[in-house]
PDB file of N, CA and C in Angstrom:
ATOM      1  N   MET A   1     -10.079 -18.105  16.031  1.00  0.00           N
ATOM      2  CA  MET A   1      -9.908 -19.191  15.109  1.00  0.00           C
ATOM      3  C   MET A   1      -8.476 -19.724  15.175  1.00  0.00           C
ATOM      4  N   GLU A   2      -8.361 -20.993  15.321  1.00  0.00           N
ATOM      5  CA  GLU A   2      -7.026 -21.640  15.318  1.00  0.00           C
ATOM      6  C   GLU A   2      -6.682 -22.119  13.952  1.00  0.00           C
ATOM      7  N   ILE A   3      -5.439 -21.887  13.575  1.00  0.00           N
ATOM      8  CA  ILE A   3      -4.937 -22.329  12.267  1.00  0.00           C
ATOM      9  C   ILE A   3      -3.652 -23.112  12.523  1.00  0.00           C
ATOM     10  N   GLN A   4      -3.560 -24.305  11.938  1.00  0.00           N
ATOM     11  CA  GLN A   4      -2.378 -25.153  12.110  1.00  0.00           C
ATOM     12  C   GLN A   4      -1.278 -24.674  11.169  1.00  0.00           C
ATOM     13  N   LEU A   5      -0.074 -24.448  11.707  1.00  0.00           N
ATOM     14  CA  LEU A   5       1.068 -24.066  10.855  1.00  0.00           C
ATOM     15  C   LEU A   5       1.604 -25.349  10.199  1.00  0.00           C
ATOM     16  N   ARG A   6       2.128 -25.173   9.019  1.00  0.00           N
ATOM     17  CA  ARG A   6       2.682 -26.326   8.268  1.00  0.00           C
ATOM     18  C   ARG A   6       4.147 -25.955   7.860  1.00  0.00           C
ATOM     19  N   LYS A   7       4.964 -26.983   7.724  1.00  0.00           N
ATOM     20  CA  LYS A   7       6.322 -26.818   7.242  1.00  0.00           C
ATOM     21  C   LYS A   7       6.257 -26.491   5.774  1.00  0.00           C
ATOM     22  N   TRP A   8       7.078 -25.463   5.374  1.00  0.00           N
ATOM     23  CA  TRP A   8       7.147 -25.072   3.962  1.00  0.00           C
ATOM     24  C   TRP A   8       8.585 -24.760   3.689  1.00  0.00           C
ATOM     25  N   GLY A   9       9.345 -25.695   3.170  1.00  0.00           N
ATOM     26  CA  GLY A   9      10.773 -25.592   3.027  1.00  0.00           C
ATOM     27  C   GLY A   9      11.395 -25.442   4.416  1.00  0.00           C
ATOM     28  N   ASN A  10      12.173 -24.367   4.552  1.00  0.00           N
ATOM     29  CA  ASN A  10      12.778 -24.129   5.890  1.00  0.00           C
ATOM     30  C   ASN A  10      11.973 -23.194   6.692  1.00  0.00           C
ATOM     31  N   SER A  11      10.800 -22.872   6.213  1.00  0.00           N
ATOM     32  CA  SER A  11       9.913 -21.882   6.898  1.00  0.00           C
ATOM     33  C   SER A  11       8.656 -22.596   7.398  1.00  0.00           C
ATOM     34  N   LEU A  12       7.829 -21.807   7.999  1.00  0.00           N
ATOM     35  CA  LEU A  12       6.474 -22.239   8.381  1.00  0.00           C
ATOM     36  C   LEU A  12       5.445 -21.475   7.596  1.00  0.00           C
ATOM     37  N   GLY A  13       4.370 -22.135   7.194  1.00  0.00           N
ATOM     38  CA  GLY A  13       3.333 -21.496   6.435  1.00  0.00           C
ATOM     39  C   GLY A  13       2.008 -21.605   7.138  1.00  0.00           C
ATOM     40  N   LEU A  14       1.121 -20.677   6.831  1.00  0.00           N
ATOM     41  CA  LEU A  14      -0.236 -20.808   7.368  1.00  0.00           C
ATOM     42  C   LEU A  14      -1.226 -20.523   6.245  1.00  0.00           C
ATOM     43  N   ARG A  15      -2.398 -21.107   6.371  1.00  0.00           N
ATOM     44  CA  ARG A  15      -3.416 -20.859   5.379  1.00  0.00           C
ATOM     45  C   ARG A  15      -4.405 -19.866   5.896  1.00  0.00           C
ATOM     46  N   ILE A  16      -4.775 -18.910   5.071  1.00  0.00           N
ATOM     47  CA  ILE A  16      -5.806 -17.952   5.436  1.00  0.00           C
ATOM     48  C   ILE A  16      -7.149 -18.506   4.962  1.00  0.00           C
ATOM     49  N   PRO A  17      -8.069 -18.741   5.916  1.00  0.00           N
ATOM     50  CA  PRO A  17      -9.334 -19.278   5.530  1.00  0.00           C
ATOM     51  C   PRO A  17     -10.056 -18.398   4.474  1.00  0.00           C
ATOM     52  N   HIS A  18     -10.787 -19.062   3.585  1.00  0.00           N
ATOM     53  CA  HIS A  18     -11.441 -18.421   2.468  1.00  0.00           C
ATOM     54  C   HIS A  18     -12.299 -17.183   2.919  1.00  0.00           C
ATOM     55  N   GLN A  19     -13.091 -17.352   3.962  1.00  0.00           N
ATOM     56  CA  GLN A  19     -13.986 -16.221   4.364  1.00  0.00           C
ATOM     57  C   GLN A  19     -13.175 -15.001   4.859  1.00  0.00           C
ATOM     58  N   ILE A  20     -12.104 -15.253   5.549  1.00  0.00           N
ATOM     59  CA  ILE A  20     -11.239 -14.146   6.014  1.00  0.00           C
ATOM     60  C   ILE A  20     -10.591 -13.473   4.798  1.00  0.00           C
ATOM     61  N   ALA A  21     -10.082 -14.283   3.905  1.00  0.00           N
ATOM     62  CA  ALA A  21      -9.463 -13.729   2.661  1.00  0.00           C
ATOM     63  C   ALA A  21     -10.482 -12.898   1.908  1.00  0.00           C
ATOM     64  N   GLU A  22     -11.703 -13.390   1.775  1.00  0.00           N
ATOM     65  CA  GLU A  22     -12.717 -12.683   1.080  1.00  0.00           C
ATOM     66  C   GLU A  22     -13.069 -11.355   1.764  1.00  0.00           C
ATOM     67  N   ASN A  23     -13.183 -11.439   3.062  1.00  0.00           N
ATOM     68  CA  ASN A  23     -13.518 -10.203   3.874  1.00  0.00           C
ATOM     69  C   ASN A  23     -12.456  -9.127   3.724  1.00  0.00           C
ATOM     70  N   PHE A  24     -11.187  -9.491   3.575  1.00  0.00           N
ATOM     71  CA  PHE A  24     -10.127  -8.512   3.438  1.00  0.00           C
ATOM     72  C   PHE A  24      -9.733  -8.240   2.004  1.00  0.00           C
ATOM     73  N   GLY A  25     -10.376  -8.892   1.067  1.00  0.00           N
ATOM     74  CA  GLY A  25     -10.035  -8.683  -0.364  1.00  0.00           C
ATOM     75  C   GLY A  25      -8.677  -9.217  -0.702  1.00  0.00           C
ATOM     76  N   ILE A  26      -8.315 -10.319  -0.120  1.00  0.00           N
ATOM     77  CA  ILE A  26      -7.026 -10.990  -0.359  1.00  0.00           C
ATOM     78  C   ILE A  26      -7.219 -12.163  -1.309  1.00  0.00           C
ATOM     79  N   ASP A  27      -6.318 -12.260  -2.316  1.00  0.00           N
ATOM     80  CA  ASP A  27      -6.360 -13.426  -3.180  1.00  0.00           C
ATOM     81  C   ASP A  27      -4.909 -13.910  -3.389  1.00  0.00           C
ATOM     82  N   HIS A  28      -4.748 -14.837  -4.283  1.00  0.00           N
ATOM     83  CA  HIS A  28      -3.409 -15.415  -4.448  1.00  0.00           C
ATOM     84  C   HIS A  28      -2.395 -14.463  -5.060  1.00  0.00           C
ATOM     85  N   ASN A  29      -2.807 -13.299  -5.538  1.00  0.00           N
ATOM     86  CA  ASN A  29      -1.925 -12.299  -6.048  1.00  0.00           C
ATOM     87  C   ASN A  29      -1.580 -11.167  -5.048  1.00  0.00           C
ATOM     88  N   SER A  30      -2.231 -11.250  -3.831  1.00  0.00           N
ATOM     89  CA  SER A  30      -2.037 -10.207  -2.853  1.00  0.00           C
ATOM     90  C   SER A  30      -0.725 -10.323  -2.158  1.00  0.00           C
ATOM     91  N   VAL A  31      -0.211  -9.205  -1.670  1.00  0.00           N
ATOM     92  CA  VAL A  31       1.010  -9.189  -0.865  1.00  0.00           C
ATOM     93  C   VAL A  31       0.576  -8.736   0.532  1.00  0.00           C
ATOM     94  N   VAL A  32       1.082  -9.436   1.521  1.00  0.00           N
ATOM     95  CA  VAL A  32       0.805  -9.028   2.888  1.00  0.00           C
ATOM     96  C   VAL A  32       2.135  -8.693   3.593  1.00  0.00           C
ATOM     97  N   GLU A  33       2.043  -7.954   4.655  1.00  0.00           N
ATOM     98  CA  GLU A  33       3.198  -7.607   5.493  1.00  0.00           C
ATOM     99  C   GLU A  33       2.948  -8.202   6.840  1.00  0.00           C
ATOM    100  N   ILE A  34       4.010  -8.822   7.388  1.00  0.00           N
ATOM    101  CA  ILE A  34       3.918  -9.457   8.687  1.00  0.00           C
ATOM    102  C   ILE A  34       4.873  -8.745   9.603  1.00  0.00           C
ATOM    103  N   THR A  35       4.441  -8.294  10.791  1.00  0.00           N
ATOM    104  CA  THR A  35       5.282  -7.605  11.781  1.00  0.00           C
ATOM    105  C   THR A  35       5.094  -8.246  13.147  1.00  0.00           C
ATOM    106  N   GLU A  36       6.033  -7.978  13.961  1.00  0.00           N
ATOM    107  CA  GLU A  36       5.989  -8.458  15.325  1.00  0.00           C
ATOM    108  C   GLU A  36       5.616  -7.285  16.287  1.00  0.00           C
ATOM    109  N   SER A  37       4.789  -7.566  17.258  1.00  0.00           N
ATOM    110  CA  SER A  37       4.431  -6.574  18.228  1.00  0.00           C
ATOM    111  C   SER A  37       4.269  -7.297  19.570  1.00  0.00           C
ATOM    112  N   GLY A  38       5.357  -7.295  20.341  1.00  0.00           N
ATOM    113  CA  GLY A  38       5.319  -8.045  21.580  1.00  0.00           C
ATOM    114  C   GLY A  38       5.254  -9.520  21.265  1.00  0.00           C
ATOM    115  N   ASP A  39       4.188 -10.177  21.827  1.00  0.00           N
ATOM    116  CA  ASP A  39       3.976 -11.586  21.585  1.00  0.00           C
ATOM    117  C   ASP A  39       2.987 -11.845  20.420  1.00  0.00           C
ATOM    118  N   ASN A  40       2.729 -10.801  19.643  1.00  0.00           N
ATOM    119  CA  ASN A  40       1.719 -10.898  18.588  1.00  0.00           C
ATOM    120  C   ASN A  40       2.384 -10.815  17.211  1.00  0.00           C
ATOM    121  N   LEU A  41       1.820 -11.517  16.248  1.00  0.00           N
ATOM    122  CA  LEU A  41       2.136 -11.357  14.837  1.00  0.00           C
ATOM    123  C   LEU A  41       0.997 -10.563  14.194  1.00  0.00           C
ATOM    124  N   ILE A  42       1.330  -9.544  13.452  1.00  0.00           N
ATOM    125  CA  ILE A  42       0.296  -8.708  12.814  1.00  0.00           C
ATOM    126  C   ILE A  42       0.460  -8.872  11.317  1.00  0.00           C
ATOM    127  N   ILE A  43      -0.608  -9.295  10.656  1.00  0.00           N
ATOM    128  CA  ILE A  43      -0.623  -9.429   9.191  1.00  0.00           C
ATOM    129  C   ILE A  43      -1.468  -8.351   8.569  1.00  0.00           C
ATOM    130  N   ARG A  44      -0.883  -7.571   7.723  1.00  0.00           N
ATOM    131  CA  ARG A  44      -1.610  -6.486   7.059  1.00  0.00           C
ATOM    132  C   ARG A  44      -1.546  -6.666   5.540  1.00  0.00           C
ATOM    133  N   LYS A  45      -2.671  -6.411   4.876  1.00  0.00           N
ATOM    134  CA  LYS A  45      -2.673  -6.442   3.431  1.00  0.00           C
ATOM    135  C   LYS A  45      -1.920  -5.193   2.957  1.00  0.00           C
ATOM    136  N   LYS A  46      -0.923  -5.333   2.074  1.00  0.00           N
ATOM    137  CA  LYS A  46      -0.230  -4.198   1.538  1.00  0.00           C
ATOM    138  C   LYS A  46      -1.095  -3.567   0.455  1.00  0.00           C
ATOM    139  N   LYS A  47      -1.081  -2.254   0.481  1.00  0.00           N
ATOM    140  CA  LYS A  47      -1.844  -1.559  -0.560  1.00  0.00           C
ATOM    141  C   LYS A  47      -1.192  -1.690  -1.949  1.00  0.00           C
ATOM    142  N   LYS A  48      -1.995  -1.817  -2.901  1.00  0.00           N
ATOM    143  CA  LYS A  48      -1.512  -1.933  -4.314  1.00  0.00           C
ATOM    144  C   LYS A  48      -0.866  -0.653  -4.724  1.00  0.00           C
ATOM    145  N   VAL A  49       0.257  -0.805  -5.354  1.00  0.00           N
ATOM    146  CA  VAL A  49       1.003   0.368  -5.878  1.00  0.00           C
ATOM    147  C   VAL A  49       0.242   0.911  -7.102  1.00  0.00           C
ATOM    148  N   SER A  50      -0.126   2.140  -7.083  1.00  0.00           N
ATOM    149  CA  SER A  50      -0.888   2.738  -8.174  1.00  0.00           C
ATOM    150  C   SER A  50       0.059   3.161  -9.331  1.00  0.00           C
ATOM    151  N   ASN A  51      -0.481   3.124 -10.514  1.00  0.00           N
ATOM    152  CA  ASN A  51       0.277   3.687 -11.653  1.00  0.00           C
ATOM    153  C   ASN A  51       0.008   5.175 -11.709  1.00  0.00           C
ATOM    154  N   LEU A  52       0.720   5.897 -12.544  1.00  0.00           N
ATOM    155  CA  LEU A  52       0.565   7.342 -12.657  1.00  0.00           C
ATOM    156  C   LEU A  52      -0.862   7.763 -12.973  1.00  0.00           C
ATOM    157  N   ASP A  53      -1.497   7.072 -13.926  1.00  0.00           N
ATOM    158  CA  ASP A  53      -2.871   7.404 -14.308  1.00  0.00           C
ATOM    159  C   ASP A  53      -3.830   7.325 -13.114  1.00  0.00           C
ATOM    160  N   GLU A  54      -3.643   6.249 -12.316  1.00  0.00           N
ATOM    161  CA  GLU A  54      -4.517   6.050 -11.129  1.00  0.00           C
ATOM    162  C   GLU A  54      -4.279   7.128 -10.083  1.00  0.00           C
ATOM    163  N   LEU A  55      -2.979   7.464  -9.900  1.00  0.00           N
ATOM    164  CA  LEU A  55      -2.692   8.527  -8.939  1.00  0.00           C
ATOM    165  C   LEU A  55      -3.273   9.869  -9.377  1.00  0.00           C
ATOM    166  N   LEU A  56      -3.127  10.223 -10.652  1.00  0.00           N
ATOM    167  CA  LEU A  56      -3.652  11.474 -11.161  1.00  0.00           C
ATOM    168  C   LEU A  56      -5.172  11.512 -11.083  1.00  0.00           C
ATOM    169  N   ALA A  57      -5.784  10.379 -11.355  1.00  0.00           N
ATOM    170  CA  ALA A  57      -7.253  10.307 -11.301  1.00  0.00           C
ATOM    171  C   ALA A  57      -7.768  10.449  -9.825  1.00  0.00           C
ATOM    172  N   SER A  58      -6.918  10.148  -8.861  1.00  0.00           N
ATOM    173  CA  SER A  58      -7.364  10.197  -7.465  1.00  0.00           C
ATOM    174  C   SER A  58      -7.337  11.603  -6.894  1.00  0.00           C
ATOM    175  N   ILE A  59      -6.711  12.552  -7.658  1.00  0.00           N
ATOM    176  CA  ILE A  59      -6.636  13.963  -7.164  1.00  0.00           C
ATOM    177  C   ILE A  59      -8.043  14.590  -7.251  1.00  0.00           C
ATOM    178  N   PRO A  60      -8.601  15.105  -6.201  1.00  0.00           N
ATOM    179  CA  PRO A  60      -9.916  15.708  -6.250  1.00  0.00           C
ATOM    180  C   PRO A  60      -9.940  16.937  -7.185  1.00  0.00           C
ATOM    181  N   ALA A  61     -11.127  17.193  -7.823  1.00  0.00           N
ATOM    182  CA  ALA A  61     -11.226  18.285  -8.740  1.00  0.00           C
ATOM    183  C   ALA A  61     -11.000  19.632  -8.077  1.00  0.00           C
ATOM    184  N   ASP A  62     -11.296  19.723  -6.774  1.00  0.00           N
ATOM    185  CA  ASP A  62     -11.122  20.986  -6.054  1.00  0.00           C
ATOM    186  C   ASP A  62      -9.790  21.103  -5.285  1.00  0.00           C
ATOM    187  N   PHE A  63      -8.827  20.257  -5.717  1.00  0.00           N
ATOM    188  CA  PHE A  63      -7.531  20.283  -5.049  1.00  0.00           C
ATOM    189  C   PHE A  63      -6.811  21.656  -5.197  1.00  0.00           C
ATOM    190  N   GLN A  64      -6.237  22.117  -4.095  1.00  0.00           N
ATOM    191  CA  GLN A  64      -5.453  23.325  -4.089  1.00  0.00           C
ATOM    192  C   GLN A  64      -4.123  22.989  -3.449  1.00  0.00           C
ATOM    193  N   TYR A  65      -3.044  23.530  -4.020  1.00  0.00           N
ATOM    194  CA  TYR A  65      -1.744  23.391  -3.398  1.00  0.00           C
ATOM    195  C   TYR A  65      -1.692  24.107  -2.085  1.00  0.00           C
ATOM    196  N   PRO A  66      -0.989  23.550  -1.094  1.00  0.00           N
ATOM    197  CA  PRO A  66      -0.801  24.247   0.162  1.00  0.00           C
ATOM    198  C   PRO A  66      -0.012  25.531  -0.040  1.00  0.00           C
ATOM    199  N   ASP A  67      -0.165  26.522   0.778  1.00  0.00           N
ATOM    200  CA  ASP A  67       0.508  27.838   0.647  1.00  0.00           C
ATOM    201  C   ASP A  67       2.018  27.718   0.590  1.00  0.00           C
ATOM    202  N   ASP A  68       2.587  26.722   1.307  1.00  0.00           N
ATOM    203  CA  ASP A  68       4.031  26.658   1.355  1.00  0.00           C
ATOM    204  C   ASP A  68       4.678  26.166   0.048  1.00  0.00           C
ATOM    205  N   VAL A  69       3.891  25.604  -0.875  1.00  0.00           N
ATOM    206  CA  VAL A  69       4.431  25.200  -2.215  1.00  0.00           C
ATOM    207  C   VAL A  69       3.777  25.899  -3.366  1.00  0.00           C
ATOM    208  N   LEU A  70       2.740  26.696  -3.081  1.00  0.00           N
ATOM    209  CA  LEU A  70       2.006  27.375  -4.150  1.00  0.00           C
ATOM    210  C   LEU A  70       2.910  28.302  -4.942  1.00  0.00           C
ATOM    211  N   ASP A  71       3.786  29.074  -4.286  1.00  0.00           N
ATOM    212  CA  ASP A  71       4.640  30.008  -4.994  1.00  0.00           C
ATOM    213  C   ASP A  71       5.672  29.234  -5.856  1.00  0.00           C
ATOM    214  N   PHE A  72       6.077  28.059  -5.455  1.00  0.00           N
ATOM    215  CA  PHE A  72       6.993  27.254  -6.282  1.00  0.00           C
ATOM    216  C   PHE A  72       6.310  26.744  -7.528  1.00  0.00           C
ATOM    217  N   VAL A  73       5.102  26.226  -7.366  1.00  0.00           N
ATOM    218  CA  VAL A  73       4.356  25.639  -8.489  1.00  0.00           C
ATOM    219  C   VAL A  73       4.029  26.699  -9.544  1.00  0.00           C
ATOM    220  N   GLU A  74       3.760  27.936  -9.092  1.00  0.00           N
ATOM    221  CA  GLU A  74       3.329  28.958 -10.008  1.00  0.00           C
ATOM    222  C   GLU A  74       4.535  29.844 -10.479  1.00  0.00           C
ATOM    223  N   SER A  75       5.731  29.567 -10.078  1.00  0.00           N
ATOM    224  CA  SER A  75       6.853  30.398 -10.409  1.00  0.00           C
ATOM    225  C   SER A  75       7.423  30.021 -11.793  1.00  0.00           C
ATOM    226  N   GLU A  76       8.103  30.943 -12.453  1.00  0.00           N
ATOM    227  CA  GLU A  76       8.705  30.752 -13.731  1.00  0.00           C
ATOM    228  C   GLU A  76      10.085  30.106 -13.566  1.00  0.00           C
ATOM    229  N   PRO A  77      10.575  29.373 -14.550  1.00  0.00           N
ATOM    230  CA  PRO A  77      11.934  28.842 -14.470  1.00  0.00           C
ATOM    231  C   PRO A  77      12.983  29.923 -14.253  1.00  0.00           C
ATOM    232  N   LEU A  78      13.964  29.658 -13.449  1.00  0.00           N
ATOM    233  CA  LEU A  78      14.980  30.655 -13.153  1.00  0.00           C
ATOM    234  C   LEU A  78      16.309  30.364 -13.849  1.00  0.00           C
ATOM    235  N   GLY A  79      16.518  29.104 -14.207  1.00  0.00           N
ATOM    236  CA  GLY A  79      17.773  28.661 -14.826  1.00  0.00           C
ATOM    237  C   GLY A  79      17.523  27.936 -16.073  1.00  0.00           C
ATOM    238  N   ARG A  80      18.199  26.800 -16.232  1.00  0.00           N
ATOM    239  CA  ARG A  80      18.001  25.938 -17.378  1.00  0.00           C
ATOM    240  C   ARG A  80      17.288  24.646 -17.036  1.00  0.00           C
ATOM    241  N   GLU A  81      16.233  24.782 -16.253  1.00  0.00           N
ATOM    242  CA  GLU A  81      15.446  23.634 -15.864  1.00  0.00           C
ATOM    243  C   GLU A  81      14.749  22.973 -17.079  1.00  0.00           C
ATOM    244  N   SER A  82      14.654  21.706 -17.039  1.00  0.00           N
ATOM    245  CA  SER A  82      13.910  20.995 -18.104  1.00  0.00           C
ATOM    246  C   SER A  82      12.488  20.863 -17.651  1.00  0.00           C
ATOM    247  N   LEU A  83      11.581  21.331 -18.466  1.00  0.00           N
ATOM    248  CA  LEU A  83      10.173  21.236 -18.091  1.00  0.00           C
ATOM    249  C   LEU A  83       9.428  20.319 -19.051  1.00  0.00           C
TER     250      LEU A  83
END
């Protein structure tokens, strides 16, 4: 698909066709990242930053700490740490 670039201030802008935006879940509030790779421009939708509640909800019920941090997580305070 060819898209005509347009002048936008001192920059160039491009429009993302509706169907492509819909396919990728992009809307006017989305943030994308553009990178160069050789002669190519790569546009990626940036993942939404989760809030703490969303992050905690995403932890599987059967989650287990890896062995290398398990002893730290289960250890008692040794000094005047704030818990």
